[in-house]
Structures are given as C-alpha cells and as structure tokens.
Amino acid sequence: MKFATFNADGATYFGAITDSGAIALNEAFPEYASLYEVIAAGAFDQLISAAQGKPVTHTDFTYEMVMPDARRILCVGVNFPDRNAEYKDGSAQPKYMSLFPRFASGFTGHDRPLIRPPENHTLDYEGEVAIVIGKPGRRISQQDAYAHIAALTLCNEGTIRDWVRHAKFNVTQGKNWDKSGAIGPWLVPFTDAAQLDDARIQTHVNGELRQDDTLNRMMFPIRREIEYISTFMTLQPGDIIVTGTPTGAGARFDPPKYLAPGDVVEVSVDGIGTLRNTVEDEQP
C-alpha cells in the first residue's frame, strides 16, 4: 500500500494509491488536514487500515509533494565514499556527517517540473531515499533506530550549485529554491529492515544512468543518522530525513551536466518506486 497527497477535481486530498487509481481518505479522518498531520498524530497505522477494501475515488489526479506541510526536513550530505572522493581535496572519511535543512517549499511532486530559476542555471539532481519518522525519540540507539521510522519515500534533492558556494560555512541558499527538488511519489510503510539494508538507488537523466549505488555503502548508515541527529534534537513524527546521494551528480562531470528545460530525471528504488520529474524554466 502506498500513500500520497494529490489534486483532483480542484481539491487536494490525501489517501492511498493503487494500480487502478487513488483512494481519498480525508473524509475518514476529518480531524486531520493532511498526511503530515496523520503521521504527526501517530495515526498512520489507522490510515493504512482504513484504506483496506476501499474503492478507488479518483482515476484522474496529479501528485503533490508527498507531505507539502512537513515542518522539518533534514538532509545528510556527502554520505557515500565515492562522493567524498569527488571533492578531490584529499580528505579522509569525515568523523561526523554533514547536515543541512531544507524547507517544503523547495519541493514539488511526482511528474511535476523542477523549476530552474533565471538567476542561475546550475540546477543539479541528487537521487536519495528519504525516511519519515513515526515515533518520537531523543538519543535513540542504532539498535532501536528503525523502530522510529514510519515510512519511506524518494527525493530528488535538486540544488543550484553556484548558490551553494555563496558562503563559507553553509549550503542553505543553494538548497532551497522554490520547487527545485521533489519528494514522492508516495509514502511506503516501513515494515522490514531489508527495505533499507538491501536497497539500490539509481538516477537516470533522459534515460542515461547517472547514479547507481546501494545504501549499505553509506559512510553514515541510516541507523547512525537517526542516532546522531536525535542526540541534539528530539525527532518527532512527521520529520523527514533525506539520507544522502551517491556519486554521479551533474556537477561532478567534466564539463558539468546541469539540468535544462525538457530534461527528465528519474530516481528509482525497488520496493519504493520511481520519482519522475521534468525540468522547466521559471515563468515571470
């Protein structure tokens, strides 16, 4: 079962996605305005149960960013060994992970365009797995980390590369252009460690394989990410952690292969799905 935020008939819904279409579940949960609120309230299991046996309500719909009102999105940077080598600075594997925030306004949904701004054309792709926290916790051990995950989704963590370099100690301004990235298409309930431990992530641009790696090669595995992040902040249901991208982003080619209008980017993980986006220039 998969769960998404979608638009149909001029309204926005949350609900289940099947091979036949979407099942709107808003009326079954009038106390919650969004999928984020369902998860934040600890009611995701109820949503899963409510979807069982329900008929399809919409066959013509468009996807939104899966949790457009998510309050906290934290991203892990440079988390594969080859990614560290891409920087060509001779540095060893870092002792601690790099982290930065992203905001929901910087993301769009599946089959929607990534927006390239007029100020700079170094729009790049980064295919990643994202986890959604379902159980609160502080100072969570690696052994217990997976028990705090409610769902999995995919992220194209689109970046305006030149703006990442505007300051010495942060990347925030290059990472938060409106609709420069995407999260979706849906949430897949997390039920088995193999969904992450055995996962392979691939990113294609216009059909060309650009990124291809397995999560078990991460320098900071997801269990460690949860442990480390929860040391300094209490993780809350609905928090999203974007876990890191493999080597092969456009900036690392010579010359760079940045995204341009008309390009199609697909991020895929077996068991989660494929997040697909086109690219368009921002309109006045």
C-alpha atoms as a PDB file:
ATOM      1  CA  MET A   1       0.000   0.000   0.000  1.00  0.00           C
ATOM      2  CA  LYS A   2       1.211   3.487  -0.891  1.00  0.00           C
ATOM      3  CA  PHE A   3       0.007   6.859   0.438  1.00  0.00           C
ATOM      4  CA  ALA A   4       0.188  10.227  -1.275  1.00  0.00           C
ATOM      5  CA  THR A   5      -1.056  13.800  -1.441  1.00  0.00           C
ATOM      6  CA  PHE A   6      -2.823  14.524  -4.713  1.00  0.00           C
ATOM      7  CA  ASN A   7      -5.036  17.007  -6.534  1.00  0.00           C
ATOM      8  CA  ALA A   8      -8.284  16.105  -8.259  1.00  0.00           C
ATOM      9  CA  ASP A   9     -11.444  17.986  -9.196  1.00  0.00           C
ATOM     10  CA  GLY A  10      -9.962  21.246  -7.938  1.00  0.00           C
ATOM     11  CA  ALA A  11      -9.281  19.947  -4.418  1.00  0.00           C
ATOM     12  CA  THR A  12      -6.326  18.460  -2.532  1.00  0.00           C
ATOM     13  CA  TYR A  13      -6.617  15.031  -0.933  1.00  0.00           C
ATOM     14  CA  PHE A  14      -4.512  12.540   0.967  1.00  0.00           C
ATOM     15  CA  GLY A  15      -5.023   8.828   0.633  1.00  0.00           C
ATOM     16  CA  ALA A  16      -3.911   5.537  -0.852  1.00  0.00           C
ATOM     17  CA  ILE A  17      -2.571   4.869  -4.341  1.00  0.00           C
ATOM     18  CA  THR A  18      -3.418   1.622  -6.132  1.00  0.00           C
ATOM     19  CA  ASP A  19      -2.808   0.304  -9.639  1.00  0.00           C
ATOM     20  CA  SER A  20      -6.338   1.439 -10.504  1.00  0.00           C
ATOM     21  CA  GLY A  21      -6.196   4.945  -9.071  1.00  0.00           C
ATOM     22  CA  ALA A  22      -6.325   6.955  -5.865  1.00  0.00           C
ATOM     23  CA  ILE A  23      -8.462   6.444  -2.767  1.00  0.00           C
ATOM     24  CA  ALA A  24      -9.183   9.715  -0.970  1.00  0.00           C
ATOM     25  CA  LEU A  25      -9.295   9.203   2.808  1.00  0.00           C
ATOM     26  CA  ASN A  26      -9.890  12.767   4.010  1.00  0.00           C
ATOM     27  CA  GLU A  27     -13.494  12.078   4.978  1.00  0.00           C
ATOM     28  CA  ALA A  28     -12.430   9.111   7.106  1.00  0.00           C
ATOM     29  CA  PHE A  29     -10.034  11.389   9.035  1.00  0.00           C
ATOM     30  CA  PRO A  30     -11.771  14.784   9.322  1.00  0.00           C
ATOM     31  CA  GLU A  31      -9.641  15.693  12.315  1.00  0.00           C
ATOM     32  CA  TYR A  32      -6.507  15.809  10.130  1.00  0.00           C
ATOM     33  CA  ALA A  33      -5.940  18.285   7.326  1.00  0.00           C
ATOM     34  CA  SER A  34      -3.032  16.454   5.702  1.00  0.00           C
ATOM     35  CA  LEU A  35      -0.949  13.315   5.501  1.00  0.00           C
ATOM     36  CA  TYR A  36       1.646  15.075   7.638  1.00  0.00           C
ATOM     37  CA  GLU A  37      -0.929  15.655  10.387  1.00  0.00           C
ATOM     38  CA  VAL A  38      -1.938  11.980  10.269  1.00  0.00           C
ATOM     39  CA  ILE A  39       1.662  10.895  10.862  1.00  0.00           C
ATOM     40  CA  ALA A  40       2.361  13.633  13.418  1.00  0.00           C
ATOM     41  CA  ALA A  41      -0.627  12.384  15.424  1.00  0.00           C
ATOM     42  CA  GLY A  42       0.613   8.791  15.334  1.00  0.00           C
ATOM     43  CA  ALA A  43      -2.363   7.701  13.224  1.00  0.00           C
ATOM     44  CA  PHE A  44      -0.520   6.275  10.202  1.00  0.00           C
ATOM     45  CA  ASP A  45      -1.448   2.699  11.125  1.00  0.00           C
ATOM     46  CA  GLN A  46      -5.095   3.768  11.260  1.00  0.00           C
ATOM     47  CA  LEU A  47      -4.773   5.258   7.776  1.00  0.00           C
ATOM     48  CA  ILE A  48      -3.303   2.006   6.479  1.00  0.00           C
ATOM     49  CA  SER A  49      -6.195   0.028   7.977  1.00  0.00           C
ATOM     50  CA  ALA A  50      -8.800   2.464   6.654  1.00  0.00           C
ATOM     51  CA  ALA A  51      -7.553   2.032   3.080  1.00  0.00           C
ATOM     52  CA  GLN A  52      -8.156  -1.709   3.048  1.00  0.00           C
ATOM     53  CA  GLY A  53     -11.001  -2.661   0.731  1.00  0.00           C
ATOM     54  CA  LYS A  54     -11.935   0.926  -0.110  1.00  0.00           C
ATOM     55  CA  PRO A  55     -12.947   1.679  -3.713  1.00  0.00           C
ATOM     56  CA  VAL A  56     -10.962   3.996  -5.939  1.00  0.00           C
ATOM     57  CA  THR A  57     -12.289   7.562  -5.795  1.00  0.00           C
ATOM     58  CA  HIS A  58     -10.131   9.212  -8.472  1.00  0.00           C
ATOM     59  CA  THR A  59      -8.503   7.969 -11.649  1.00  0.00           C
ATOM     60  CA  ASP A  60      -7.531  11.424 -12.953  1.00  0.00           C
ATOM     61  CA  PHE A  61      -5.246  13.212 -10.494  1.00  0.00           C
ATOM     62  CA  THR A  62      -1.876  14.907 -10.103  1.00  0.00           C
ATOM     63  CA  TYR A  63       0.664  14.362  -7.353  1.00  0.00           C
ATOM     64  CA  GLU A  64       1.772  16.978  -4.875  1.00  0.00           C
ATOM     65  CA  MET A  65       4.950  16.870  -2.800  1.00  0.00           C
ATOM     66  CA  VAL A  66       4.027  13.937  -0.585  1.00  0.00           C
ATOM     67  CA  MET A  67       3.982  15.999   2.640  1.00  0.00           C
ATOM     68  CA  PRO A  68       3.720  19.635   1.492  1.00  0.00           C
ATOM     69  CA  ASP A  69       3.283  20.931   5.050  1.00  0.00           C
ATOM     70  CA  ALA A  70       6.233  18.997   6.530  1.00  0.00           C
ATOM     71  CA  ARG A  71       7.769  21.153   9.236  1.00  0.00           C
ATOM     72  CA  ARG A  72      11.288  19.725   9.455  1.00  0.00           C
ATOM     73  CA  ILE A  73      13.355  18.279   6.606  1.00  0.00           C
ATOM     74  CA  LEU A  74      16.973  17.475   7.419  1.00  0.00           C
ATOM     75  CA  CYS A  75      19.423  16.342   4.729  1.00  0.00           C
ATOM     76  CA  VAL A  76      22.647  14.353   5.049  1.00  0.00           C
ATOM     77  CA  GLY A  77      25.389  15.480   2.678  1.00  0.00           C
ATOM     78  CA  VAL A  78      28.400  13.660   1.146  1.00  0.00           C
ATOM     79  CA  ASN A  79      27.375  10.269   2.524  1.00  0.00           C
ATOM     80  CA  PHE A  80      28.904   7.816   0.046  1.00  0.00           C
ATOM     81  CA  PRO A  81      32.660   7.128  -0.112  1.00  0.00           C
ATOM     82  CA  ASP A  82      32.888   7.982  -3.813  1.00  0.00           C
ATOM     83  CA  ARG A  83      31.056  11.258  -3.155  1.00  0.00           C
ATOM     84  CA  ASN A  84      33.757  12.245  -0.675  1.00  0.00           C
ATOM     85  CA  ALA A  85      36.408  11.451  -3.301  1.00  0.00           C
ATOM     86  CA  GLU A  86      34.548  13.574  -5.870  1.00  0.00           C
ATOM     87  CA  TYR A  87      35.599  16.700  -3.997  1.00  0.00           C
ATOM     88  CA  LYS A  88      39.266  15.913  -4.835  1.00  0.00           C
ATOM     89  CA  ASP A  89      40.503  17.633  -1.681  1.00  0.00           C
ATOM     90  CA  GLY A  90      42.412  14.645  -0.291  1.00  0.00           C
ATOM     91  CA  SER A  91      40.205  14.490   2.791  1.00  0.00           C
ATOM     92  CA  ALA A  92      39.630  11.235   4.637  1.00  0.00           C
ATOM     93  CA  GLN A  93      36.194   9.988   5.551  1.00  0.00           C
ATOM     94  CA  PRO A  94      34.768  12.580   7.962  1.00  0.00           C
ATOM     95  CA  LYS A  95      34.209  11.676  11.588  1.00  0.00           C
ATOM     96  CA  TYR A  96      30.765  13.286  11.646  1.00  0.00           C
ATOM     97  CA  MET A  97      28.085  13.656   8.997  1.00  0.00           C
ATOM     98  CA  SER A  98      27.271  16.917   7.209  1.00  0.00           C
ATOM     99  CA  LEU A  99      23.722  18.164   7.772  1.00  0.00           C
ATOM    100  CA  PHE A 100      21.608  20.989   6.390  1.00  0.00           C
ATOM    101  CA  PRO A 101      17.912  21.936   6.427  1.00  0.00           C
ATOM    102  CA  ARG A 102      15.526  22.085   3.528  1.00  0.00           C
ATOM    103  CA  PHE A 103      12.031  23.504   3.513  1.00  0.00           C
ATOM    104  CA  ALA A 104       8.891  22.034   1.996  1.00  0.00           C
ATOM    105  CA  SER A 105       8.540  24.985  -0.399  1.00  0.00           C
ATOM    106  CA  GLY A 106      11.686  23.787  -2.178  1.00  0.00           C
ATOM    107  CA  PHE A 107       9.998  20.571  -3.331  1.00  0.00           C
ATOM    108  CA  THR A 108       7.331  19.608  -5.834  1.00  0.00           C
ATOM    109  CA  GLY A 109       5.610  16.287  -6.539  1.00  0.00           C
ATOM    110  CA  HIS A 110       5.974  13.335  -8.869  1.00  0.00           C
ATOM    111  CA  ASP A 111       5.527  14.054 -12.588  1.00  0.00           C
ATOM    112  CA  ARG A 112       5.752  17.795 -11.915  1.00  0.00           C
ATOM    113  CA  PRO A 113       8.513  20.054 -13.270  1.00  0.00           C
ATOM    114  CA  LEU A 114      11.599  21.053 -11.341  1.00  0.00           C
ATOM    115  CA  ILE A 115      11.932  24.799 -11.725  1.00  0.00           C
ATOM    116  CA  ARG A 116      15.185  26.360 -12.951  1.00  0.00           C
ATOM    117  CA  PRO A 117      15.440  29.996 -11.782  1.00  0.00           C
ATOM    118  CA  PRO A 118      16.550  32.843 -14.039  1.00  0.00           C
ATOM    119  CA  GLU A 119      19.273  33.928 -11.605  1.00  0.00           C
ATOM    120  CA  ASN A 120      21.379  30.808 -12.168  1.00  0.00           C
ATOM    121  CA  HIS A 121      21.273  27.749 -14.425  1.00  0.00           C
ATOM    122  CA  THR A 122      23.367  25.279 -12.410  1.00  0.00           C
ATOM    123  CA  LEU A 123      20.329  23.179 -11.430  1.00  0.00           C
ATOM    124  CA  ASP A 124      21.550  19.713 -10.456  1.00  0.00           C
ATOM    125  CA  TYR A 125      19.936  16.426  -9.407  1.00  0.00           C
ATOM    126  CA  GLU A 126      20.609  14.203  -6.381  1.00  0.00           C
ATOM    127  CA  GLY A 127      18.666  10.958  -6.067  1.00  0.00           C
ATOM    128  CA  GLU A 128      18.101   9.873  -2.473  1.00  0.00           C
ATOM    129  CA  VAL A 129      15.989   7.773  -0.145  1.00  0.00           C
ATOM    130  CA  ALA A 130      14.078   9.738   2.481  1.00  0.00           C
ATOM    131  CA  ILE A 131      12.695   8.368   5.717  1.00  0.00           C
ATOM    132  CA  VAL A 132       9.707   9.695   7.634  1.00  0.00           C
ATOM    133  CA  ILE A 133       9.818   9.481  11.409  1.00  0.00           C
ATOM    134  CA  GLY A 134       6.760   7.912  13.030  1.00  0.00           C
ATOM    135  CA  LYS A 135       7.764   7.611  16.673  1.00  0.00           C
ATOM    136  CA  PRO A 136       9.316  10.412  18.739  1.00  0.00           C
ATOM    137  CA  GLY A 137      12.669   9.960  20.373  1.00  0.00           C
ATOM    138  CA  ARG A 138      15.769  11.565  21.796  1.00  0.00           C
ATOM    139  CA  ARG A 139      19.201   9.915  21.984  1.00  0.00           C
ATOM    140  CA  ILE A 140      17.926   6.920  20.030  1.00  0.00           C
ATOM    141  CA  SER A 141      20.326   3.986  19.833  1.00  0.00           C
ATOM    142  CA  GLN A 142      21.254   2.466  16.476  1.00  0.00           C
ATOM    143  CA  GLN A 143      19.700  -0.789  17.658  1.00  0.00           C
ATOM    144  CA  ASP A 144      16.340   0.936  18.157  1.00  0.00           C
ATOM    145  CA  ALA A 145      16.573   3.373  15.237  1.00  0.00           C
ATOM    146  CA  TYR A 146      14.420   1.516  12.722  1.00  0.00           C
ATOM    147  CA  ALA A 147      11.559   1.312  15.215  1.00  0.00           C
ATOM    148  CA  HIS A 148      11.201   5.091  14.833  1.00  0.00           C
ATOM    149  CA  ILE A 149      10.618   5.013  11.048  1.00  0.00           C
ATOM    150  CA  ALA A 150       7.027   5.134   9.776  1.00  0.00           C
ATOM    151  CA  ALA A 151       7.559   5.280   6.032  1.00  0.00           C
ATOM    152  CA  LEU A 152       9.975   5.596   3.117  1.00  0.00           C
ATOM    153  CA  THR A 153       9.870   7.829   0.070  1.00  0.00           C
ATOM    154  CA  LEU A 154      12.190   9.169  -2.630  1.00  0.00           C
ATOM    155  CA  CYS A 155      13.822  12.551  -3.058  1.00  0.00           C
ATOM    156  CA  ASN A 156      15.432  14.383  -5.939  1.00  0.00           C
ATOM    157  CA  GLU A 157      17.332  16.864  -3.810  1.00  0.00           C
ATOM    158  CA  GLY A 158      17.677  19.469  -6.556  1.00  0.00           C
ATOM    159  CA  THR A 159      20.438  22.002  -5.998  1.00  0.00           C
ATOM    160  CA  ILE A 160      21.501  25.303  -7.530  1.00  0.00           C
ATOM    161  CA  ARG A 161      25.229  24.569  -7.372  1.00  0.00           C
ATOM    162  CA  ASP A 162      26.619  28.074  -7.744  1.00  0.00           C
ATOM    163  CA  TRP A 163      24.492  29.281  -4.825  1.00  0.00           C
ATOM    164  CA  VAL A 164      25.841  26.526  -2.586  1.00  0.00           C
ATOM    165  CA  ARG A 165      29.179  28.343  -2.850  1.00  0.00           C
ATOM    166  CA  HIS A 166      27.911  31.783  -1.843  1.00  0.00           C
ATOM    167  CA  ALA A 167      29.080  31.384   1.747  1.00  0.00           C
ATOM    168  CA  LYS A 168      31.879  29.618   3.571  1.00  0.00           C
ATOM    169  CA  PHE A 169      30.010  27.509   6.098  1.00  0.00           C
ATOM    170  CA  ASN A 170      26.561  26.707   4.739  1.00  0.00           C
ATOM    171  CA  VAL A 171      24.687  25.446   1.683  1.00  0.00           C
ATOM    172  CA  THR A 172      21.169  26.524   2.662  1.00  0.00           C
ATOM    173  CA  GLN A 173      20.664  29.131  -0.051  1.00  0.00           C
ATOM    174  CA  GLY A 174      21.626  26.718  -2.829  1.00  0.00           C
ATOM    175  CA  LYS A 175      19.326  24.040  -1.485  1.00  0.00           C
ATOM    176  CA  ASN A 176      16.030  25.861  -1.045  1.00  0.00           C
ATOM    177  CA  TRP A 177      14.971  27.430  -4.329  1.00  0.00           C
ATOM    178  CA  ASP A 178      11.210  27.047  -4.785  1.00  0.00           C
ATOM    179  CA  LYS A 179      10.290  23.733  -6.419  1.00  0.00           C
ATOM    180  CA  SER A 180      13.898  22.958  -7.295  1.00  0.00           C
ATOM    181  CA  GLY A 181      13.585  19.407  -5.944  1.00  0.00           C
ATOM    182  CA  ALA A 182      10.923  16.755  -5.485  1.00  0.00           C
ATOM    183  CA  ILE A 183       9.766  14.300  -2.820  1.00  0.00           C
ATOM    184  CA  GLY A 184       7.407  11.439  -3.617  1.00  0.00           C
ATOM    185  CA  PRO A 185       5.589   9.967  -5.373  1.00  0.00           C
ATOM    186  CA  TRP A 186       4.214   8.420  -2.198  1.00  0.00           C
ATOM    187  CA  LEU A 187       4.995   7.016   1.220  1.00  0.00           C
ATOM    188  CA  VAL A 188       5.606   3.287   1.523  1.00  0.00           C
ATOM    189  CA  PRO A 189       5.050   1.957   5.066  1.00  0.00           C
ATOM    190  CA  PHE A 190       8.303   0.765   6.622  1.00  0.00           C
ATOM    191  CA  THR A 191       7.882  -2.832   7.762  1.00  0.00           C
ATOM    192  CA  ASP A 192      11.189  -4.626   7.176  1.00  0.00           C
ATOM    193  CA  ALA A 193      14.866  -3.701   7.628  1.00  0.00           C
ATOM    194  CA  ALA A 194      15.569  -5.190   4.183  1.00  0.00           C
ATOM    195  CA  GLN A 195      13.665  -2.274   2.629  1.00  0.00           C
ATOM    196  CA  LEU A 196      16.691  -0.132   3.524  1.00  0.00           C
ATOM    197  CA  ASP A 197      19.551  -2.542   4.123  1.00  0.00           C
ATOM    198  CA  ASP A 198      19.222  -4.167   0.679  1.00  0.00           C
ATOM    199  CA  ALA A 199      18.122  -1.068  -1.256  1.00  0.00           C
ATOM    200  CA  ARG A 200      19.759   0.036  -4.504  1.00  0.00           C
ATOM    201  CA  ILE A 201      19.216   3.601  -5.696  1.00  0.00           C
ATOM    202  CA  GLN A 202      19.509   4.676  -9.327  1.00  0.00           C
ATOM    203  CA  THR A 203      19.084   8.039 -11.041  1.00  0.00           C
ATOM    204  CA  HIS A 204      18.531   8.352 -14.775  1.00  0.00           C
ATOM    205  CA  VAL A 205      18.596  11.607 -16.761  1.00  0.00           C
ATOM    206  CA  ASN A 206      16.932  11.341 -20.172  1.00  0.00           C
ATOM    207  CA  GLY A 207      17.341   7.571 -19.904  1.00  0.00           C
ATOM    208  CA  GLU A 208      21.077   7.718 -19.118  1.00  0.00           C
ATOM    209  CA  LEU A 209      22.107   6.065 -15.849  1.00  0.00           C
ATOM    210  CA  ARG A 210      23.929   8.707 -13.814  1.00  0.00           C
ATOM    211  CA  GLN A 211      23.796   7.399 -10.220  1.00  0.00           C
ATOM    212  CA  ASP A 212      23.850   3.762  -9.114  1.00  0.00           C
ATOM    213  CA  ASP A 213      24.732   2.555  -5.622  1.00  0.00           C
ATOM    214  CA  THR A 214      23.467   0.630  -2.610  1.00  0.00           C
ATOM    215  CA  LEU A 215      22.535   2.062   0.772  1.00  0.00           C
ATOM    216  CA  ASN A 216      24.760  -0.449   2.555  1.00  0.00           C
ATOM    217  CA  ARG A 217      27.763   1.548   1.269  1.00  0.00           C
ATOM    218  CA  MET A 218      26.781   4.732   3.064  1.00  0.00           C
ATOM    219  CA  MET A 219      29.519   6.207   5.234  1.00  0.00           C
ATOM    220  CA  PHE A 220      26.841   7.032   7.788  1.00  0.00           C
ATOM    221  CA  PRO A 221      24.128   4.346   7.649  1.00  0.00           C
ATOM    222  CA  ILE A 222      20.553   5.357   8.352  1.00  0.00           C
ATOM    223  CA  ARG A 223      20.685   3.811  11.828  1.00  0.00           C
ATOM    224  CA  ARG A 224      23.639   6.088  12.596  1.00  0.00           C
ATOM    225  CA  GLU A 225      21.863   9.105  11.094  1.00  0.00           C
ATOM    226  CA  ILE A 226      18.928   8.626  13.440  1.00  0.00           C
ATOM    227  CA  GLU A 227      21.235   8.087  16.419  1.00  0.00           C
ATOM    228  CA  TYR A 228      23.331  11.171  15.674  1.00  0.00           C
ATOM    229  CA  ILE A 229      20.505  13.563  14.803  1.00  0.00           C
ATOM    230  CA  SER A 230      18.442  12.537  17.811  1.00  0.00           C
ATOM    231  CA  THR A 231      21.398  13.373  20.065  1.00  0.00           C
ATOM    232  CA  PHE A 232      20.911  17.103  19.572  1.00  0.00           C
ATOM    233  CA  MET A 233      17.193  17.280  18.689  1.00  0.00           C
ATOM    234  CA  THR A 234      14.127  15.292  19.607  1.00  0.00           C
ATOM    235  CA  LEU A 235      12.891  13.596  16.466  1.00  0.00           C
ATOM    236  CA  GLN A 236       9.143  13.987  16.040  1.00  0.00           C
ATOM    237  CA  PRO A 237       6.593  12.085  13.926  1.00  0.00           C
ATOM    238  CA  GLY A 238       6.449  13.696  10.501  1.00  0.00           C
ATOM    239  CA  ASP A 239      10.122  14.712  10.449  1.00  0.00           C
ATOM    240  CA  ILE A 240      11.824  13.824   7.159  1.00  0.00           C
ATOM    241  CA  ILE A 241      15.472  12.775   6.889  1.00  0.00           C
ATOM    242  CA  VAL A 242      16.931  12.794   3.362  1.00  0.00           C
ATOM    243  CA  THR A 243      19.677  10.245   3.733  1.00  0.00           C
ATOM    244  CA  GLY A 244      22.369  11.043   1.131  1.00  0.00           C
ATOM    245  CA  THR A 245      23.087  10.752  -2.595  1.00  0.00           C
ATOM    246  CA  PRO A 246      25.589   8.552  -4.469  1.00  0.00           C
ATOM    247  CA  THR A 247      28.291   9.767  -6.817  1.00  0.00           C
ATOM    248  CA  GLY A 248      27.245  10.900 -10.288  1.00  0.00           C
ATOM    249  CA  ALA A 249      25.549  14.270  -9.784  1.00  0.00           C
ATOM    250  CA  GLY A 250      25.826  16.582 -12.780  1.00  0.00           C
ATOM    251  CA  ALA A 251      28.313  18.975 -11.168  1.00  0.00           C
ATOM    252  CA  ARG A 252      30.940  16.238 -10.957  1.00  0.00           C
ATOM    253  CA  PHE A 253      31.213  15.638 -14.709  1.00  0.00           C
ATOM    254  CA  ASP A 254      33.814  17.447 -16.824  1.00  0.00           C
ATOM    255  CA  PRO A 255      32.228  19.525 -18.189  1.00  0.00           C
ATOM    256  CA  PRO A 256      29.275  19.573 -15.743  1.00  0.00           C
ATOM    257  CA  LYS A 257      25.955  18.140 -16.893  1.00  0.00           C
ATOM    258  CA  TYR A 258      23.433  20.502 -15.349  1.00  0.00           C
ATOM    259  CA  LEU A 259      19.698  20.117 -15.922  1.00  0.00           C
ATOM    260  CA  ALA A 260      17.972  22.077 -18.662  1.00  0.00           C
ATOM    261  CA  PRO A 261      14.358  22.542 -19.743  1.00  0.00           C
ATOM    262  CA  GLY A 262      12.985  19.385 -21.324  1.00  0.00           C
ATOM    263  CA  ASP A 263      15.184  17.013 -19.309  1.00  0.00           C
ATOM    264  CA  VAL A 264      13.556  14.076 -17.497  1.00  0.00           C
ATOM    265  CA  VAL A 265      15.018  12.858 -14.203  1.00  0.00           C
ATOM    266  CA  GLU A 266      14.002   9.525 -12.654  1.00  0.00           C
ATOM    267  CA  VAL A 267      15.024   8.350  -9.182  1.00  0.00           C
ATOM    268  CA  SER A 268      14.248   4.677  -8.539  1.00  0.00           C
ATOM    269  CA  VAL A 269      14.478   2.202  -5.665  1.00  0.00           C
ATOM    270  CA  ASP A 270      12.948  -1.281  -5.838  1.00  0.00           C
ATOM    271  CA  GLY A 271      10.193  -1.593  -3.284  1.00  0.00           C
ATOM    272  CA  ILE A 272       9.591   2.160  -3.138  1.00  0.00           C
ATOM    273  CA  GLY A 273       9.056   3.151  -6.761  1.00  0.00           C
ATOM    274  CA  THR A 274      10.193   5.821  -9.212  1.00  0.00           C
ATOM    275  CA  LEU A 275      10.110   9.575  -8.722  1.00  0.00           C
ATOM    276  CA  ARG A 276       9.963  11.264 -12.119  1.00  0.00           C
ATOM    277  CA  ASN A 277      10.301  14.968 -12.905  1.00  0.00           C
ATOM    278  CA  THR A 278      10.737  17.153 -15.948  1.00  0.00           C
ATOM    279  CA  VAL A 279      12.562  20.490 -15.926  1.00  0.00           C
ATOM    280  CA  GLU A 280      11.169  23.916 -16.791  1.00  0.00           C
ATOM    281  CA  ASP A 281      12.404  27.473 -16.573  1.00  0.00           C
ATOM    282  CA  GLU A 282      10.653  29.687 -14.047  1.00  0.00           C
ATOM    283  CA  GLN A 283       7.968  31.811 -15.676  1.00  0.00           C
ATOM    284  CA  PRO A 284       7.603  35.520 -14.847  1.00  0.00           C
END
